[in-house]
C-alpha atoms as a PDB file:
ATOM      1  CA  UNK A   1     -22.987-120.202 -28.707  1.00  0.00           C
ATOM      2  CA  UNK A   2     -23.623-122.718 -25.897  1.00  0.00           C
ATOM      3  CA  UNK A   3     -21.081-122.889 -23.329  1.00  0.00           C
ATOM      4  CA  UNK A   4     -19.827-126.096 -24.402  1.00  0.00           C
ATOM      5  CA  UNK A   5     -19.053-124.557 -27.828  1.00  0.00           C
ATOM      6  CA  UNK A   6     -17.521-121.305 -26.187  1.00  0.00           C
ATOM      7  CA  UNK A   7     -19.314-118.923 -23.915  1.00  0.00           C
ATOM      8  CA  UNK A   8     -18.834-115.139 -24.043  1.00  0.00           C
ATOM      9  CA  UNK A   9     -15.942-115.301 -21.461  1.00  0.00           C
ATOM     10  CA  UNK A  10     -14.146-117.716 -23.804  1.00  0.00           C
ATOM     11  CA  UNK A  11     -14.583-115.547 -26.828  1.00  0.00           C
ATOM     12  CA  UNK A  12     -13.906-112.326 -24.850  1.00  0.00           C
ATOM     13  CA  UNK A  13     -10.533-114.129 -23.926  1.00  0.00           C
ATOM     14  CA  UNK A  14      -9.753-114.985 -27.357  1.00  0.00           C
ATOM     15  CA  UNK A  15     -10.179-111.551 -28.576  1.00  0.00           C
ATOM     16  CA  UNK A  16      -8.173-110.233 -25.874  1.00  0.00           C
ATOM     17  CA  UNK A  17      -5.208-111.835 -27.499  1.00  0.00           C
ATOM     18  CA  UNK A  18      -5.671-109.439 -30.478  1.00  0.00           C
ATOM     19  CA  UNK A  19      -7.927-109.620 -33.469  1.00  0.00           C
ATOM     20  CA  UNK A  20      -5.380-109.439 -36.187  1.00  0.00           C
ATOM     21  CA  UNK A  21      -3.486-112.390 -34.760  1.00  0.00           C
ATOM     22  CA  UNK A  22      -6.381-114.855 -34.938  1.00  0.00           C
ATOM     23  CA  UNK A  23      -6.569-117.579 -37.748  1.00  0.00           C
ATOM     24  CA  UNK A  24      -9.890-116.132 -38.811  1.00  0.00           C
ATOM     25  CA  UNK A  25      -8.426-112.627 -39.601  1.00  0.00           C
ATOM     26  CA  UNK A  26      -8.628-111.207 -43.014  1.00  0.00           C
ATOM     27  CA  UNK A  27      -7.992-107.522 -44.182  1.00  0.00           C
ATOM     28  CA  UNK A  28     -10.811-107.783 -46.390  1.00  0.00           C
ATOM     29  CA  UNK A  29     -13.960-110.010 -46.562  1.00  0.00           C
ATOM     30  CA  UNK A  30     -13.447-110.865 -50.220  1.00  0.00           C
ATOM     31  CA  UNK A  31     -15.634-114.160 -50.120  1.00  0.00           C
ATOM     32  CA  UNK A  32     -18.200-112.646 -48.004  1.00  0.00           C
ATOM     33  CA  UNK A  33     -18.717-109.713 -50.601  1.00  0.00           C
ATOM     34  CA  UNK A  34     -18.607-112.143 -53.394  1.00  0.00           C
ATOM     35  CA  UNK A  35     -21.387-114.417 -52.156  1.00  0.00           C
ATOM     36  CA  UNK A  36     -23.486-111.529 -51.095  1.00  0.00           C
ATOM     37  CA  UNK A  37     -23.092-110.184 -54.767  1.00  0.00           C
ATOM     38  CA  UNK A  38     -24.091-113.417 -56.029  1.00  0.00           C
ATOM     39  CA  UNK A  39     -27.333-113.182 -53.722  1.00  0.00           C
ATOM     40  CA  UNK A  40     -28.178-110.237 -55.625  1.00  0.00           C
ATOM     41  CA  UNK A  41     -27.931-107.890 -52.464  1.00  0.00           C
ATOM     42  CA  UNK A  42     -28.940-104.445 -52.624  1.00  0.00           C
ATOM     43  CA  UNK A  43     -27.781-101.556 -50.314  1.00  0.00           C
ATOM     44  CA  UNK A  44     -31.277-101.115 -49.096  1.00  0.00           C
ATOM     45  CA  UNK A  45     -31.678-104.809 -48.128  1.00  0.00           C
ATOM     46  CA  UNK A  46     -31.592-105.756 -44.416  1.00  0.00           C
ATOM     47  CA  UNK A  47     -28.844-107.906 -43.479  1.00  0.00           C
ATOM     48  CA  UNK A  48     -27.627-109.487 -40.266  1.00  0.00           C
ATOM     49  CA  UNK A  49     -24.058-110.715 -39.594  1.00  0.00           C
ATOM     50  CA  UNK A  50     -24.003-113.726 -37.122  1.00  0.00           C
ATOM     51  CA  UNK A  51     -20.814-113.765 -35.288  1.00  0.00           C
ATOM     52  CA  UNK A  52     -19.709-110.654 -36.885  1.00  0.00           C
ATOM     53  CA  UNK A  53     -17.582-109.701 -34.013  1.00  0.00           C
ATOM     54  CA  UNK A  54     -14.392-107.683 -35.260  1.00  0.00           C
ATOM     55  CA  UNK A  55     -14.966-108.799 -38.877  1.00  0.00           C
ATOM     56  CA  UNK A  56     -14.240-106.329 -41.460  1.00  0.00           C
ATOM     57  CA  UNK A  57     -17.589-107.112 -43.418  1.00  0.00           C
ATOM     58  CA  UNK A  58     -19.589-104.260 -41.783  1.00  0.00           C
ATOM     59  CA  UNK A  59     -16.947-101.690 -43.090  1.00  0.00           C
ATOM     60  CA  UNK A  60     -17.215-102.904 -46.603  1.00  0.00           C
ATOM     61  CA  UNK A  61     -20.896-102.910 -46.392  1.00  0.00           C
ATOM     62  CA  UNK A  62     -21.068 -99.341 -45.083  1.00  0.00           C
ATOM     63  CA  UNK A  63     -18.666 -98.177 -47.761  1.00  0.00           C
ATOM     64  CA  UNK A  64     -21.026 -99.534 -50.311  1.00  0.00           C
ATOM     65  CA  UNK A  65     -23.778 -97.583 -48.828  1.00  0.00           C
ATOM     66  CA  UNK A  66     -25.793-100.411 -47.064  1.00  0.00           C
ATOM     67  CA  UNK A  67     -28.405 -98.741 -44.476  1.00  0.00           C
ATOM     68  CA  UNK A  68     -29.905-101.428 -42.586  1.00  0.00           C
ATOM     69  CA  UNK A  69     -27.213-103.578 -41.087  1.00  0.00           C
ATOM     70  CA  UNK A  70     -27.169-105.561 -37.740  1.00  0.00           C
ATOM     71  CA  UNK A  71     -24.029-107.171 -36.354  1.00  0.00           C
ATOM     72  CA  UNK A  72     -24.672-110.163 -33.531  1.00  0.00           C
ATOM     73  CA  UNK A  73     -22.042-111.546 -31.537  1.00  0.00           C
ATOM     74  CA  UNK A  74     -21.652-113.243 -28.004  1.00  0.00           C
ATOM     75  CA  UNK A  75     -18.450-111.278 -27.449  1.00  0.00           C
ATOM     76  CA  UNK A  76     -18.479-107.639 -26.080  1.00  0.00           C
ATOM     77  CA  UNK A  77     -14.808-107.502 -26.654  1.00  0.00           C
ATOM     78  CA  UNK A  78     -15.370-108.645 -30.436  1.00  0.00           C
ATOM     79  CA  UNK A  79     -18.163-105.863 -30.929  1.00  0.00           C
ATOM     80  CA  UNK A  80     -15.912-103.357 -29.574  1.00  0.00           C
ATOM     81  CA  UNK A  81     -13.165-103.888 -31.955  1.00  0.00           C
ATOM     82  CA  UNK A  82     -15.414-103.276 -34.736  1.00  0.00           C
ATOM     83  CA  UNK A  83     -17.219-100.400 -33.231  1.00  0.00           C
ATOM     84  CA  UNK A  84     -13.743 -98.705 -32.595  1.00  0.00           C
ATOM     85  CA  UNK A  85     -12.570 -99.434 -36.021  1.00  0.00           C
ATOM     86  CA  UNK A  86     -15.721 -98.206 -37.764  1.00  0.00           C
ATOM     87  CA  UNK A  87     -15.740 -95.105 -35.702  1.00  0.00           C
ATOM     88  CA  UNK A  88     -18.671 -92.642 -35.982  1.00  0.00           C
ATOM     89  CA  UNK A  89     -20.315 -94.873 -38.768  1.00  0.00           C
ATOM     90  CA  UNK A  90     -20.968 -97.334 -35.937  1.00  0.00           C
ATOM     91  CA  UNK A  91     -24.109 -95.404 -35.177  1.00  0.00           C
ATOM     92  CA  UNK A  92     -25.578 -96.416 -38.517  1.00  0.00           C
ATOM     93  CA  UNK A  93     -25.230-100.199 -37.360  1.00  0.00           C
ATOM     94  CA  UNK A  94     -27.337-102.198 -34.916  1.00  0.00           C
ATOM     95  CA  UNK A  95     -25.046-103.979 -32.498  1.00  0.00           C
ATOM     96  CA  UNK A  96     -26.440-107.147 -30.694  1.00  0.00           C
ATOM     97  CA  UNK A  97     -24.799-108.718 -27.936  1.00  0.00           C
ATOM     98  CA  UNK A  98     -26.358-112.110 -27.846  1.00  0.00           C
ATOM     99  CA  UNK A  99     -25.892-115.925 -28.072  1.00  0.00           C
ATOM    100  CA  UNK A 100     -27.571-116.880 -31.372  1.00  0.00           C
ATOM    101  CA  UNK A 101     -28.885-120.086 -29.845  1.00  0.00           C
ATOM    102  CA  UNK A 102     -31.035-118.291 -27.279  1.00  0.00           C
ATOM    103  CA  UNK A 103     -31.622-114.925 -29.365  1.00  0.00           C
ATOM    104  CA  UNK A 104     -35.011-114.157 -30.484  1.00  0.00           C
ATOM    105  CA  UNK A 105     -35.055-111.593 -33.327  1.00  0.00           C
ATOM    106  CA  UNK A 106     -37.720-108.949 -33.133  1.00  0.00           C
ATOM    107  CA  UNK A 107     -37.890-108.686 -37.007  1.00  0.00           C
ATOM    108  CA  UNK A 108     -37.082-110.499 -40.168  1.00  0.00           C
ATOM    109  CA  UNK A 109     -33.969-109.966 -42.349  1.00  0.00           C
ATOM    110  CA  UNK A 110     -33.650-110.227 -46.110  1.00  0.00           C
ATOM    111  CA  UNK A 111     -29.839-111.494 -45.645  1.00  0.00           C
ATOM    112  CA  UNK A 112     -28.329-113.812 -43.159  1.00  0.00           C
ATOM    113  CA  UNK A 113     -24.622-113.987 -43.262  1.00  0.00           C
ATOM    114  CA  UNK A 114     -22.441-116.306 -41.034  1.00  0.00           C
ATOM    115  CA  UNK A 115     -18.709-116.842 -41.568  1.00  0.00           C
ATOM    116  CA  UNK A 116     -17.609-119.461 -39.234  1.00  0.00           C
ATOM    117  CA  UNK A 117     -20.353-119.565 -36.252  1.00  0.00           C
ATOM    118  CA  UNK A 118     -22.054-122.637 -37.414  1.00  0.00           C
ATOM    119  CA  UNK A 119     -19.130-124.933 -37.544  1.00  0.00           C
ATOM    120  CA  UNK A 120     -18.662-124.586 -33.934  1.00  0.00           C
ATOM    121  CA  UNK A 121     -21.998-126.270 -33.179  1.00  0.00           C
ATOM    122  CA  UNK A 122     -21.002-129.924 -32.853  1.00  0.00           C
ATOM    123  CA  UNK A 123     -24.245-131.613 -31.752  1.00  0.00           C
ATOM    124  CA  UNK A 124     -27.643-131.723 -33.412  1.00  0.00           C
ATOM    125  CA  UNK A 125     -29.548-130.111 -30.788  1.00  0.00           C
ATOM    126  CA  UNK A 126     -27.530-126.980 -30.799  1.00  0.00           C
ATOM    127  CA  UNK A 127     -27.520-127.044 -34.814  1.00  0.00           C
ATOM    128  CA  UNK A 128     -31.229-127.225 -34.730  1.00  0.00           C
ATOM    129  CA  UNK A 129     -31.477-124.296 -32.285  1.00  0.00           C
ATOM    130  CA  UNK A 130     -29.388-122.277 -34.707  1.00  0.00           C
ATOM    131  CA  UNK A 131     -31.411-123.272 -37.797  1.00  0.00           C
ATOM    132  CA  UNK A 132     -34.549-122.548 -35.802  1.00  0.00           C
ATOM    133  CA  UNK A 133     -33.476-119.071 -35.020  1.00  0.00           C
ATOM    134  CA  UNK A 134     -32.140-118.599 -38.651  1.00  0.00           C
ATOM    135  CA  UNK A 135     -35.792-119.680 -39.994  1.00  0.00           C
ATOM    136  CA  UNK A 136     -37.612-117.255 -37.782  1.00  0.00           C
ATOM    137  CA  UNK A 137     -35.240-114.359 -38.437  1.00  0.00           C
ATOM    138  CA  UNK A 138     -35.208-114.536 -42.332  1.00  0.00           C
ATOM    139  CA  UNK A 139     -38.045-113.588 -44.315  1.00  0.00           C
ATOM    140  CA  UNK A 140     -39.903-115.712 -46.878  1.00  0.00           C
ATOM    141  CA  UNK A 141     -37.617-115.762 -50.000  1.00  0.00           C
ATOM    142  CA  UNK A 142     -34.746-114.391 -47.921  1.00  0.00           C
ATOM    143  CA  UNK A 143     -31.326-115.556 -48.456  1.00  0.00           C
ATOM    144  CA  UNK A 144     -28.484-116.789 -46.343  1.00  0.00           C
ATOM    145  CA  UNK A 145     -24.639-116.916 -46.777  1.00  0.00           C
ATOM    146  CA  UNK A 146     -23.018-119.599 -44.482  1.00  0.00           C
ATOM    147  CA  UNK A 147     -19.310-120.462 -44.326  1.00  0.00           C
ATOM    148  CA  UNK A 148     -17.869-123.462 -42.372  1.00  0.00           C
ATOM    149  CA  UNK A 149     -14.636-125.215 -42.235  1.00  0.00           C
ATOM    150  CA  UNK A 150     -14.414-127.659 -45.232  1.00  0.00           C
ATOM    151  CA  UNK A 151     -14.442-131.378 -44.973  1.00  0.00           C
ATOM    152  CA  UNK A 152     -10.490-131.271 -45.336  1.00  0.00           C
ATOM    153  CA  UNK A 153     -10.272-128.237 -43.077  1.00  0.00           C
ATOM    154  CA  UNK A 154      -9.074-128.054 -39.323  1.00  0.00           C
ATOM    155  CA  UNK A 155     -10.769-130.099 -36.904  1.00  0.00           C
ATOM    156  CA  UNK A 156     -10.407-127.331 -34.037  1.00  0.00           C
ATOM    157  CA  UNK A 157     -10.273-123.465 -34.109  1.00  0.00           C
ATOM    158  CA  UNK A 158      -9.624-121.245 -31.021  1.00  0.00           C
ATOM    159  CA  UNK A 159      -9.234-124.118 -28.756  1.00  0.00           C
ATOM    160  CA  UNK A 160     -12.980-125.786 -29.676  1.00  0.00           C
ATOM    161  CA  UNK A 161     -13.922-128.494 -31.764  1.00  0.00           C
ATOM    162  CA  UNK A 162     -15.681-127.957 -34.957  1.00  0.00           C
ATOM    163  CA  UNK A 163     -17.936-129.760 -37.491  1.00  0.00           C
ATOM    164  CA  UNK A 164     -16.469-129.768 -40.977  1.00  0.00           C
ATOM    165  CA  UNK A 165     -18.677-129.828 -44.153  1.00  0.00           C
ATOM    166  CA  UNK A 166     -18.732-130.469 -47.891  1.00  0.00           C
ATOM    167  CA  UNK A 167     -21.268-128.402 -49.757  1.00  0.00           C
ATOM    168  CA  UNK A 168     -23.336-131.363 -49.951  1.00  0.00           C
ATOM    169  CA  UNK A 169     -23.364-132.212 -46.207  1.00  0.00           C
ATOM    170  CA  UNK A 170     -23.894-128.529 -45.371  1.00  0.00           C
ATOM    171  CA  UNK A 171     -27.039-128.458 -47.658  1.00  0.00           C
ATOM    172  CA  UNK A 172     -28.288-131.390 -46.369  1.00  0.00           C
ATOM    173  CA  UNK A 173     -28.075-130.163 -42.631  1.00  0.00           C
ATOM    174  CA  UNK A 174     -29.770-127.034 -43.503  1.00  0.00           C
ATOM    175  CA  UNK A 175     -32.748-129.069 -44.571  1.00  0.00           C
ATOM    176  CA  UNK A 176     -35.534-128.899 -47.169  1.00  0.00           C
ATOM    177  CA  UNK A 177     -36.579-125.292 -46.124  1.00  0.00           C
ATOM    178  CA  UNK A 178     -33.651-124.118 -48.189  1.00  0.00           C
ATOM    179  CA  UNK A 179     -32.863-124.204 -51.914  1.00  0.00           C
ATOM    180  CA  UNK A 180     -28.947-124.024 -52.662  1.00  0.00           C
ATOM    181  CA  UNK A 181     -28.092-121.592 -55.106  1.00  0.00           C
ATOM    182  CA  UNK A 182     -24.332-121.658 -55.258  1.00  0.00           C
ATOM    183  CA  UNK A 183     -21.357-123.072 -53.395  1.00  0.00           C
ATOM    184  CA  UNK A 184     -17.763-121.963 -53.298  1.00  0.00           C
ATOM    185  CA  UNK A 185     -14.525-123.339 -51.960  1.00  0.00           C
ATOM    186  CA  UNK A 186     -12.059-120.619 -50.307  1.00  0.00           C
ATOM    187  CA  UNK A 187      -8.438-121.388 -49.323  1.00  0.00           C
ATOM    188  CA  UNK A 188      -8.217-118.930 -46.501  1.00  0.00           C
ATOM    189  CA  UNK A 189      -4.520-117.794 -45.583  1.00  0.00           C
ATOM    190  CA  UNK A 190      -4.125-117.186 -41.844  1.00  0.00           C
ATOM    191  CA  UNK A 191      -1.880-114.517 -40.351  1.00  0.00           C
ATOM    192  CA  UNK A 192       0.654-117.510 -39.559  1.00  0.00           C
ATOM    193  CA  UNK A 193       0.688-118.602 -43.283  1.00  0.00           C
ATOM    194  CA  UNK A 194      -1.376-121.729 -42.731  1.00  0.00           C
ATOM    195  CA  UNK A 195      -4.100-122.661 -45.130  1.00  0.00           C
ATOM    196  CA  UNK A 196      -7.793-123.442 -43.970  1.00  0.00           C
ATOM    197  CA  UNK A 197     -10.220-124.613 -46.586  1.00  0.00           C
ATOM    198  CA  UNK A 198     -13.709-123.227 -46.157  1.00  0.00           C
ATOM    199  CA  UNK A 199     -17.045-124.227 -47.697  1.00  0.00           C
ATOM    200  CA  UNK A 200     -19.316-121.380 -48.617  1.00  0.00           C
ATOM    201  CA  UNK A 201     -23.062-121.879 -49.373  1.00  0.00           C
ATOM    202  CA  UNK A 202     -25.744-119.399 -50.670  1.00  0.00           C
ATOM    203  CA  UNK A 203     -29.325-120.569 -50.358  1.00  0.00           C
ATOM    204  CA  UNK A 204     -32.789-119.076 -50.363  1.00  0.00           C
ATOM    205  CA  UNK A 205     -35.508-119.820 -47.705  1.00  0.00           C
ATOM    206  CA  UNK A 206     -38.935-120.749 -48.845  1.00  0.00           C
END
């Protein structure tokens, strides 16, 4: 993410406070797996998890036999959490330490997954840079799963402002190169017991 949206040092510090205490923490990535199932994802499909950090999605996909997984995050600390948790299976994953706004993919992916990165981009320039990266990294006909805070969700997370989206406003921001296939609403329960509404969107790139 751009420095104004939280640079690597910010996120390393956030992860340093303990992953399981963070508001995004979940023991099982239920909605991510549900949306990927709706996308018709197969274990042989290439998939990149944007901002995956310490998230448990990679564990669930490895357990399901996925063979072409990439996890990208701006935080070395976040990636380290996941690598240590996954253990020897970490060798079966490509780990990319990078800012998604400046990263240039050397390949294309069938699936792009992002739970709670895009909503940290609060200006149109950063949003467009993200979408340019997405467009270049996803193959024609590939599918994307994006989750953001819902329109009635929190206005901040981890000390940073966020942009909140309804299904319609998120689809509009993605633009005409994507066809929306499904949307869902999630009431995420944080470790502290608070409820955070999320908007989930599954789309296909032309």
